Amino acid sequence: MKKPRQSLDAMPKAELLRCVQEHCFYMHDLALYLDSHPTDGQALALFREHAAQYQKAADVYAERFGALHWNQVNDADGWAAWTNTPWPWEKEAN
């Protein structure tokens, strides 16, 4: 039996990143299915659910550990905050 997930704010970095990646995978997989089954309302609802969960997890990750994508750079930090942060593989080495 799968244990329930803890809140996004309490997840360790690796687990939170895994959560983001899982929802992203589900979205891509469902998008492929919806390309050939565009009227499947259940699949579309599932896609929207994973898209919302992906956005929540990605936002929490960006707030706690830094942006995952260029489009998560906030205006207050400016573009320099994105270009001056370590790349993901540099972050993992620390």
N, C-alpha and C. Protein backbone atom coordinates (compact mmCIF):
# COMPACT_ATOMS: atom_id res chain seq x y z
N MET A 1 0.84 -1.17 0.00
CA MET A 1 0.00 0.00 0.00
C MET A 1 0.89 1.24 0.00
N LYS A 2 0.56 2.19 -0.83
CA LYS A 2 1.32 3.42 -0.95
C LYS A 2 1.00 4.35 0.20
N LYS A 3 2.07 4.88 0.85
CA LYS A 3 1.83 5.80 1.96
C LYS A 3 1.39 7.16 1.44
N PRO A 4 0.54 7.85 2.19
CA PRO A 4 0.10 9.17 1.74
C PRO A 4 1.27 10.15 1.72
N ARG A 5 1.24 11.05 0.76
CA ARG A 5 2.30 12.05 0.65
C ARG A 5 2.15 13.11 1.72
N GLN A 6 3.30 13.60 2.18
CA GLN A 6 3.26 14.72 3.10
C GLN A 6 3.00 16.01 2.31
N SER A 7 2.78 17.08 3.03
CA SER A 7 2.49 18.34 2.34
C SER A 7 3.71 18.77 1.52
N LEU A 8 3.46 19.51 0.48
CA LEU A 8 4.54 19.96 -0.41
C LEU A 8 5.56 20.79 0.35
N ASP A 9 5.11 21.59 1.30
CA ASP A 9 6.01 22.44 2.07
C ASP A 9 6.96 21.65 2.96
N ALA A 10 6.58 20.43 3.32
CA ALA A 10 7.39 19.62 4.22
C ALA A 10 8.26 18.60 3.49
N MET A 11 8.07 18.45 2.19
CA MET A 11 8.83 17.45 1.44
C MET A 11 10.30 17.82 1.32
N PRO A 12 11.17 16.81 1.43
CA PRO A 12 12.57 17.06 1.12
C PRO A 12 12.73 17.42 -0.37
N LYS A 13 13.82 18.05 -0.70
CA LYS A 13 14.05 18.55 -2.05
C LYS A 13 13.88 17.46 -3.11
N ALA A 14 14.52 16.31 -2.92
CA ALA A 14 14.47 15.25 -3.94
C ALA A 14 13.05 14.72 -4.12
N GLU A 15 12.31 14.58 -3.02
CA GLU A 15 10.95 14.08 -3.11
C GLU A 15 10.02 15.09 -3.80
N LEU A 16 10.22 16.36 -3.52
CA LEU A 16 9.42 17.40 -4.16
C LEU A 16 9.71 17.45 -5.66
N LEU A 17 10.97 17.35 -6.04
CA LEU A 17 11.32 17.33 -7.46
C LEU A 17 10.69 16.12 -8.14
N ARG A 18 10.70 14.98 -7.47
CA ARG A 18 10.09 13.76 -8.02
C ARG A 18 8.58 13.97 -8.22
N CYS A 19 7.94 14.66 -7.29
CA CYS A 19 6.51 14.96 -7.40
C CYS A 19 6.25 15.82 -8.64
N VAL A 20 7.06 16.84 -8.85
CA VAL A 20 6.95 17.70 -10.04
C VAL A 20 7.09 16.85 -11.30
N GLN A 21 8.10 15.99 -11.32
CA GLN A 21 8.36 15.16 -12.50
C GLN A 21 7.23 14.17 -12.76
N GLU A 22 6.65 13.61 -11.71
CA GLU A 22 5.55 12.66 -11.88
C GLU A 22 4.34 13.34 -12.54
N HIS A 23 3.98 14.51 -12.03
CA HIS A 23 2.82 15.20 -12.61
C HIS A 23 3.11 15.62 -14.05
N CYS A 24 4.33 16.03 -14.33
CA CYS A 24 4.71 16.39 -15.70
C CYS A 24 4.58 15.18 -16.63
N PHE A 25 5.03 14.02 -16.16
CA PHE A 25 4.91 12.80 -16.96
C PHE A 25 3.44 12.47 -17.24
N TYR A 26 2.61 12.53 -16.19
CA TYR A 26 1.19 12.24 -16.39
C TYR A 26 0.58 13.19 -17.41
N MET A 27 0.94 14.47 -17.33
CA MET A 27 0.40 15.45 -18.28
C MET A 27 0.80 15.11 -19.71
N HIS A 28 2.06 14.78 -19.92
CA HIS A 28 2.52 14.43 -21.27
C HIS A 28 1.83 13.17 -21.78
N ASP A 29 1.72 12.17 -20.92
CA ASP A 29 1.08 10.92 -21.31
C ASP A 29 -0.39 11.13 -21.65
N LEU A 30 -1.07 11.88 -20.81
CA LEU A 30 -2.49 12.16 -21.07
C LEU A 30 -2.68 13.02 -22.31
N ALA A 31 -1.75 13.95 -22.56
CA ALA A 31 -1.84 14.78 -23.76
C ALA A 31 -1.74 13.92 -25.02
N LEU A 32 -0.86 12.94 -24.99
CA LEU A 32 -0.74 12.03 -26.14
C LEU A 32 -2.05 11.26 -26.35
N TYR A 33 -2.64 10.78 -25.27
CA TYR A 33 -3.91 10.06 -25.35
C TYR A 33 -5.01 10.98 -25.88
N LEU A 34 -5.05 12.20 -25.35
CA LEU A 34 -6.10 13.14 -25.76
C LEU A 34 -5.97 13.57 -27.21
N ASP A 35 -4.77 13.49 -27.77
CA ASP A 35 -4.60 13.79 -29.20
C ASP A 35 -5.45 12.87 -30.06
N SER A 36 -5.62 11.62 -29.64
CA SER A 36 -6.41 10.68 -30.43
C SER A 36 -7.80 10.41 -29.83
N HIS A 37 -8.05 10.93 -28.63
CA HIS A 37 -9.35 10.76 -27.98
C HIS A 37 -9.82 12.10 -27.39
N PRO A 38 -10.01 13.11 -28.23
CA PRO A 38 -10.29 14.46 -27.73
C PRO A 38 -11.61 14.63 -27.00
N THR A 39 -12.51 13.68 -27.13
CA THR A 39 -13.82 13.82 -26.47
C THR A 39 -13.90 13.05 -25.15
N ASP A 40 -12.80 12.47 -24.71
CA ASP A 40 -12.79 11.71 -23.47
C ASP A 40 -12.74 12.68 -22.28
N GLY A 41 -13.90 12.97 -21.74
CA GLY A 41 -14.01 13.93 -20.64
C GLY A 41 -13.28 13.50 -19.39
N GLN A 42 -13.25 12.21 -19.11
CA GLN A 42 -12.57 11.71 -17.93
C GLN A 42 -11.06 11.94 -18.04
N ALA A 43 -10.51 11.68 -19.21
CA ALA A 43 -9.07 11.91 -19.43
C ALA A 43 -8.74 13.40 -19.36
N LEU A 44 -9.61 14.23 -19.89
CA LEU A 44 -9.39 15.66 -19.85
C LEU A 44 -9.43 16.17 -18.40
N ALA A 45 -10.36 15.66 -17.61
CA ALA A 45 -10.43 16.05 -16.20
C ALA A 45 -9.18 15.61 -15.45
N LEU A 46 -8.69 14.42 -15.76
CA LEU A 46 -7.47 13.92 -15.13
C LEU A 46 -6.27 14.77 -15.54
N PHE A 47 -6.22 15.17 -16.81
CA PHE A 47 -5.15 16.05 -17.29
C PHE A 47 -5.17 17.36 -16.51
N ARG A 48 -6.35 17.95 -16.37
CA ARG A 48 -6.46 19.23 -15.65
C ARG A 48 -6.07 19.09 -14.19
N GLU A 49 -6.43 17.96 -13.58
CA GLU A 49 -6.07 17.71 -12.18
C GLU A 49 -4.54 17.64 -12.03
N HIS A 50 -3.88 16.89 -12.91
CA HIS A 50 -2.42 16.79 -12.85
C HIS A 50 -1.75 18.12 -13.20
N ALA A 51 -2.33 18.88 -14.10
CA ALA A 51 -1.77 20.19 -14.44
C ALA A 51 -1.81 21.12 -13.22
N ALA A 52 -2.90 21.08 -12.48
CA ALA A 52 -3.00 21.91 -11.28
C ALA A 52 -2.01 21.45 -10.21
N GLN A 53 -1.90 20.14 -10.03
CA GLN A 53 -0.96 19.61 -9.04
C GLN A 53 0.49 19.89 -9.45
N TYR A 54 0.77 19.81 -10.76
CA TYR A 54 2.10 20.13 -11.26
C TYR A 54 2.44 21.58 -10.94
N GLN A 55 1.50 22.47 -11.22
CA GLN A 55 1.75 23.90 -10.99
C GLN A 55 2.01 24.18 -9.52
N LYS A 56 1.21 23.57 -8.64
CA LYS A 56 1.42 23.76 -7.20
C LYS A 56 2.80 23.28 -6.78
N ALA A 57 3.16 22.06 -7.18
CA ALA A 57 4.45 21.49 -6.78
C ALA A 57 5.61 22.28 -7.37
N ALA A 58 5.50 22.70 -8.62
CA ALA A 58 6.56 23.48 -9.26
C ALA A 58 6.72 24.84 -8.58
N ASP A 59 5.62 25.46 -8.20
CA ASP A 59 5.68 26.75 -7.51
C ASP A 59 6.36 26.61 -6.15
N VAL A 60 6.01 25.57 -5.41
CA VAL A 60 6.62 25.35 -4.10
C VAL A 60 8.11 25.07 -4.27
N TYR A 61 8.45 24.26 -5.26
CA TYR A 61 9.86 23.95 -5.50
C TYR A 61 10.63 25.24 -5.83
N ALA A 62 10.08 26.05 -6.71
CA ALA A 62 10.75 27.29 -7.11
C ALA A 62 10.93 28.24 -5.92
N GLU A 63 9.94 28.29 -5.07
CA GLU A 63 10.03 29.17 -3.90
C GLU A 63 11.08 28.68 -2.91
N ARG A 64 11.15 27.37 -2.73
CA ARG A 64 12.08 26.82 -1.74
C ARG A 64 13.49 26.61 -2.26
N PHE A 65 13.63 26.20 -3.53
CA PHE A 65 14.94 25.78 -4.03
C PHE A 65 15.41 26.50 -5.28
N GLY A 66 14.60 27.35 -5.84
CA GLY A 66 14.97 28.06 -7.06
C GLY A 66 14.15 27.58 -8.25
N ALA A 67 14.11 28.43 -9.26
CA ALA A 67 13.29 28.16 -10.44
C ALA A 67 13.76 26.91 -11.19
N LEU A 68 12.79 26.14 -11.64
CA LEU A 68 13.07 24.98 -12.49
C LEU A 68 13.09 25.38 -13.97
N HIS A 69 12.35 26.43 -14.29
CA HIS A 69 12.20 26.90 -15.67
C HIS A 69 12.35 28.41 -15.70
N TRP A 70 12.75 28.93 -16.83
CA TRP A 70 12.92 30.38 -16.97
C TRP A 70 11.63 31.14 -16.71
N ASN A 71 10.49 30.51 -16.98
CA ASN A 71 9.22 31.22 -16.79
C ASN A 71 8.80 31.31 -15.33
N GLN A 72 9.60 30.77 -14.41
CA GLN A 72 9.31 30.89 -12.99
C GLN A 72 10.10 32.02 -12.34
N VAL A 73 10.88 32.74 -13.11
CA VAL A 73 11.64 33.87 -12.58
C VAL A 73 10.65 34.99 -12.29
N ASN A 74 10.67 35.48 -11.05
CA ASN A 74 9.72 36.55 -10.74
C ASN A 74 10.34 37.91 -11.06
N ASP A 75 9.49 38.88 -11.27
CA ASP A 75 9.93 40.22 -11.67
C ASP A 75 10.81 40.89 -10.63
N ALA A 76 10.57 40.59 -9.36
CA ALA A 76 11.34 41.23 -8.30
C ALA A 76 12.81 40.81 -8.35
N ASP A 77 13.06 39.55 -8.71
CA ASP A 77 14.43 39.04 -8.76
C ASP A 77 15.14 39.42 -10.06
N GLY A 78 14.38 39.57 -11.12
CA GLY A 78 14.95 39.90 -12.40
C GLY A 78 15.65 38.72 -13.07
N TRP A 79 16.04 38.94 -14.30
CA TRP A 79 16.65 37.86 -15.09
C TRP A 79 18.00 37.44 -14.52
N ALA A 80 18.72 38.34 -13.90
CA ALA A 80 20.02 38.00 -13.33
C ALA A 80 19.90 36.90 -12.28
N ALA A 81 18.78 36.87 -11.55
CA ALA A 81 18.59 35.82 -10.56
C ALA A 81 18.56 34.44 -11.22
N TRP A 82 18.00 34.38 -12.42
CA TRP A 82 17.95 33.10 -13.15
C TRP A 82 19.33 32.73 -13.67
N THR A 83 20.02 33.67 -14.27
CA THR A 83 21.30 33.35 -14.90
C THR A 83 22.43 33.18 -13.90
N ASN A 84 22.28 33.73 -12.69
CA ASN A 84 23.34 33.63 -11.69
C ASN A 84 23.15 32.46 -10.72
N THR A 85 22.06 31.73 -10.85
CA THR A 85 21.86 30.58 -9.97
C THR A 85 22.54 29.36 -10.58
N PRO A 86 22.95 28.42 -9.74
CA PRO A 86 23.58 27.21 -10.28
C PRO A 86 22.61 26.42 -11.14
N TRP A 87 23.12 25.74 -12.13
CA TRP A 87 22.30 24.85 -12.96
C TRP A 87 21.90 23.66 -12.10
N PRO A 88 20.83 22.94 -12.48
CA PRO A 88 20.37 21.83 -11.63
C PRO A 88 21.47 20.83 -11.29
N TRP A 89 22.32 20.50 -12.24
CA TRP A 89 23.37 19.53 -11.95
C TRP A 89 24.44 20.11 -11.03
N GLU A 90 24.58 21.42 -11.01
CA GLU A 90 25.50 22.05 -10.08
C GLU A 90 24.92 22.07 -8.67
N LYS A 91 23.61 22.20 -8.56
CA LYS A 91 22.95 22.21 -7.26
C LYS A 91 23.07 20.85 -6.59
N GLU A 92 22.94 19.80 -7.37
CA GLU A 92 22.99 18.44 -6.82
C GLU A 92 24.39 18.09 -6.33
N ALA A 93 25.42 18.71 -6.89
CA ALA A 93 26.80 18.39 -6.51
C ALA A 93 27.12 18.93 -5.13
N ASN A 94 26.38 19.93 -4.67
CA ASN A 94 26.66 20.53 -3.35
C ASN A 94 26.13 19.71 -2.22
